[in-house]
Each structure stands twice: as C-alpha cells, then as structure tokens.
C-alpha atoms as a PDB file:
ATOM      1  CA  MET A   1       7.035  16.694   3.502  1.00  0.00           C
ATOM      2  CA  LYS A   2       4.977  14.891   0.884  1.00  0.00           C
ATOM      3  CA  ASN A   3       2.259  12.347   1.486  1.00  0.00           C
ATOM      4  CA  VAL A   4       3.179   8.898   0.191  1.00  0.00           C
ATOM      5  CA  LEU A   5       0.614   6.135  -0.176  1.00  0.00           C
ATOM      6  CA  VAL A   6       2.137   2.760   0.759  1.00  0.00           C
ATOM      7  CA  ASP A   7       0.819  -0.135  -1.313  1.00  0.00           C
ATOM      8  CA  SER A   8      -0.724  -3.101   0.482  1.00  0.00           C
ATOM      9  CA  ASN A   9       1.749  -5.501  -1.152  1.00  0.00           C
ATOM     10  CA  VAL A  10       4.661  -3.648   0.419  1.00  0.00           C
ATOM     11  CA  ILE A  11       2.977  -3.685   3.831  1.00  0.00           C
ATOM     12  CA  LEU A  12       2.178  -7.386   3.498  1.00  0.00           C
ATOM     13  CA  ASP A  13       5.815  -8.104   2.595  1.00  0.00           C
ATOM     14  CA  ILE A  14       6.777  -6.545   5.915  1.00  0.00           C
ATOM     15  CA  VAL A  15       4.092  -7.928   8.223  1.00  0.00           C
ATOM     16  CA  THR A  16       4.452 -11.453   6.816  1.00  0.00           C
ATOM     17  CA  GLU A  17       8.249 -11.192   6.694  1.00  0.00           C
ATOM     18  CA  ASP A  18       8.146 -12.451   3.107  1.00  0.00           C
ATOM     19  CA  ALA A  19      11.324 -14.389   2.287  1.00  0.00           C
ATOM     20  CA  ASN A  20      11.772 -12.682  -1.086  1.00  0.00           C
ATOM     21  CA  TRP A  21      10.572  -9.141  -0.461  1.00  0.00           C
ATOM     22  CA  PHE A  22      10.826  -8.342   3.268  1.00  0.00           C
ATOM     23  CA  GLU A  23      14.259  -6.720   3.118  1.00  0.00           C
ATOM     24  CA  TRP A  24      13.551  -4.623   0.028  1.00  0.00           C
ATOM     25  CA  SER A  25      10.141  -3.477   1.231  1.00  0.00           C
ATOM     26  CA  SER A  26      11.387  -2.698   4.743  1.00  0.00           C
ATOM     27  CA  ASN A  27      14.279  -0.663   3.394  1.00  0.00           C
ATOM     28  CA  LYS A  28      12.091   1.309   0.985  1.00  0.00           C
ATOM     29  CA  VAL A  29       9.500   2.104   3.650  1.00  0.00           C
ATOM     30  CA  SER A  30      12.222   3.165   6.101  1.00  0.00           C
ATOM     31  CA  GLU A  31      13.915   5.373   3.516  1.00  0.00           C
ATOM     32  CA  CYS A  32      10.642   6.932   2.447  1.00  0.00           C
ATOM     33  CA  ALA A  33       9.530   7.584   6.039  1.00  0.00           C
ATOM     34  CA  LYS A  34      12.599   9.747   6.670  1.00  0.00           C
ATOM     35  CA  GLN A  35      11.424  12.459   4.282  1.00  0.00           C
ATOM     36  CA  ASN A  36       7.729  11.834   3.777  1.00  0.00           C
ATOM     37  CA  ILE A  37       4.453  11.219   5.561  1.00  0.00           C
ATOM     38  CA  LEU A  38       3.427   7.612   4.973  1.00  0.00           C
ATOM     39  CA  GLY A  39      -0.180   6.658   4.726  1.00  0.00           C
ATOM     40  CA  ILE A  40      -2.805   4.191   3.655  1.00  0.00           C
ATOM     41  CA  ASN A  41      -6.374   4.482   2.462  1.00  0.00           C
ATOM     42  CA  SER A  42      -9.455   2.372   3.069  1.00  0.00           C
ATOM     43  CA  ILE A  43      -8.730  -0.009   0.184  1.00  0.00           C
ATOM     44  CA  ILE A  44      -5.200  -0.708   1.412  1.00  0.00           C
ATOM     45  CA  TYR A  45      -6.523  -1.158   4.946  1.00  0.00           C
ATOM     46  CA  ALA A  46      -9.058  -3.717   3.676  1.00  0.00           C
ATOM     47  CA  GLU A  47      -6.467  -5.580   1.593  1.00  0.00           C
ATOM     48  CA  VAL A  48      -4.049  -5.876   4.514  1.00  0.00           C
ATOM     49  CA  SER A  49      -6.840  -6.824   6.942  1.00  0.00           C
ATOM     50  CA  ILE A  50      -7.343 -10.198   5.269  1.00  0.00           C
ATOM     51  CA  GLY A  51      -4.311 -11.566   7.117  1.00  0.00           C
ATOM     52  CA  PHE A  52      -5.637 -10.664  10.566  1.00  0.00           C
ATOM     53  CA  GLU A  53      -8.343 -12.178  12.724  1.00  0.00           C
ATOM     54  CA  ARG A  54      -8.888  -9.160  14.991  1.00  0.00           C
ATOM     55  CA  ILE A  55      -9.007  -5.460  14.254  1.00  0.00           C
ATOM     56  CA  GLU A  56      -6.706  -4.807  17.230  1.00  0.00           C
ATOM     57  CA  GLU A  57      -3.984  -6.906  15.573  1.00  0.00           C
ATOM     58  CA  LEU A  58      -4.422  -4.998  12.323  1.00  0.00           C
ATOM     59  CA  GLU A  59      -4.283  -1.661  14.114  1.00  0.00           C
ATOM     60  CA  ALA A  60      -1.064  -2.751  15.842  1.00  0.00           C
ATOM     61  CA  ALA A  61       0.452  -3.626  12.459  1.00  0.00           C
ATOM     62  CA  LEU A  62      -0.696  -0.316  10.946  1.00  0.00           C
ATOM     63  CA  PRO A  63      -0.248   2.250  13.721  1.00  0.00           C
ATOM     64  CA  ILE A  64      -1.723   5.642  12.897  1.00  0.00           C
ATOM     65  CA  SER A  65       1.457   7.208  14.219  1.00  0.00           C
ATOM     66  CA  PHE A  66       3.332   5.614  11.289  1.00  0.00           C
ATOM     67  CA  PHE A  67       0.651   5.083   8.609  1.00  0.00           C
ATOM     68  CA  ARG A  68      -1.672   8.062   8.469  1.00  0.00           C
ATOM     69  CA  ARG A  69      -5.170   7.471   7.123  1.00  0.00           C
ATOM     70  CA  PHE A  70      -5.629   9.209   3.764  1.00  0.00           C
ATOM     71  CA  ASP A  71      -8.960   9.797   2.075  1.00  0.00           C
ATOM     72  CA  LEU A  72      -9.423   7.974  -1.202  1.00  0.00           C
ATOM     73  CA  PRO A  73     -10.015  10.372  -4.101  1.00  0.00           C
ATOM     74  CA  TRP A  74     -12.915   9.283  -6.312  1.00  0.00           C
ATOM     75  CA  GLU A  75     -10.605   9.450  -9.322  1.00  0.00           C
ATOM     76  CA  ALA A  76      -8.280   6.936  -7.663  1.00  0.00           C
ATOM     77  CA  ALA A  77     -11.188   4.558  -7.059  1.00  0.00           C
ATOM     78  CA  PHE A  78     -12.065   4.785 -10.752  1.00  0.00           C
ATOM     79  CA  LEU A  79      -8.469   4.075 -11.749  1.00  0.00           C
ATOM     80  CA  ALA A  80      -8.352   1.099  -9.369  1.00  0.00           C
ATOM     81  CA  GLY A  81     -11.253  -0.399 -11.303  1.00  0.00           C
ATOM     82  CA  ILE A  82      -9.472   0.200 -14.587  1.00  0.00           C
ATOM     83  CA  PHE A  83      -6.302  -1.379 -13.184  1.00  0.00           C
ATOM     84  CA  GLY A  84      -8.311  -4.436 -12.198  1.00  0.00           C
ATOM     85  CA  ASN A  85      -9.322  -4.846 -15.826  1.00  0.00           C
ATOM     86  CA  ILE A  86      -5.757  -4.259 -16.990  1.00  0.00           C
ATOM     87  CA  ALA A  87      -4.534  -6.983 -14.621  1.00  0.00           C
ATOM     88  CA  LYS A  88      -6.814  -9.442 -16.358  1.00  0.00           C
ATOM     89  CA  GLU A  89      -5.313  -8.445 -19.704  1.00  0.00           C
ATOM     90  CA  VAL A  90      -1.603  -7.958 -19.001  1.00  0.00           C
ATOM     91  CA  GLY A  91      -0.899  -9.810 -15.761  1.00  0.00           C
ATOM     92  CA  ILE A  92      -0.100  -8.860 -12.210  1.00  0.00           C
ATOM     93  CA  ASN A  93       3.485  -7.563 -12.710  1.00  0.00           C
ATOM     94  CA  ALA A  94       2.320  -4.892 -15.137  1.00  0.00           C
ATOM     95  CA  LEU A  95      -0.494  -4.019 -12.754  1.00  0.00           C
ATOM     96  CA  LEU A  96       1.916  -3.588  -9.840  1.00  0.00           C
ATOM     97  CA  TYR A  97       3.983  -1.202 -11.944  1.00  0.00           C
ATOM     98  CA  LEU A  98       0.872   0.828 -12.737  1.00  0.00           C
ATOM     99  CA  ILE A  99      -0.179   0.911  -9.087  1.00  0.00           C
ATOM    100  CA  PHE A 100       3.263   2.135  -8.057  1.00  0.00           C
ATOM    101  CA  THR A 101       3.048   4.840 -10.729  1.00  0.00           C
ATOM    102  CA  LEU A 102      -0.399   5.898  -9.506  1.00  0.00           C
ATOM    103  CA  ALA A 103       0.841   6.073  -5.923  1.00  0.00           C
ATOM    104  CA  LEU A 104       3.627   8.410  -6.990  1.00  0.00           C
ATOM    105  CA  MET A 105       1.183  10.571  -8.924  1.00  0.00           C
ATOM    106  CA  LEU A 106      -1.178  10.872  -5.957  1.00  0.00           C
ATOM    107  CA  SER A 107       1.543  11.739  -3.470  1.00  0.00           C
END
C-alpha cells in the first residue's frame, strides 16, 4: 500500500458537506482508502482546524485510524512556500492543480 496525502480542501469538502464538492471528494477519498494508506501532515491539520472550536472535535473529524499523521518533508515545506507565491500570480485553481500534483509525487 502507498501513502497518500489528503489535501485539506478535500477534507473540508467532506466535513462541511460542501454542496458542490462533497460527493466527489467523498467518493475519491473512499476509493483511495481501499488501496492506500491515507494521511495528513501538520499543515493540513492546521488548515482543517480553523473550522473547529475544540481539538476534540477536530480529532473526531480526523481520526488517526483513518488519517495517519505523516511527517512533513522539508522539501515539501519549501514547495508550499513557492506554491503560495504561484497562487498570487496564477490564481487558486492553478495552485490546487499543483498541490494535487505534489501530493501524488510525495505519495
């Protein structure tokens, strides 16, 4: 099984039951979980945490039994900074594509 990093936007689609993206995100996570080990890192944890008032609620939404905790490689942190600059230049849709590509490369 491969490790797959799940982006915070996909998780937020699910936990907020987003009208436009809930079904797609839920299906992709379910499909991926059948053959891979899903996980998050500290940045994703922080991004998702914004929607919660208590850490216990966040932990319930991100159970370790489903979303393992992956270390963040220093190279990935550097690329996240670069992607932040790219987002300013090209817009968020292009950035999301790049993030998805990075997640596949790191898995």
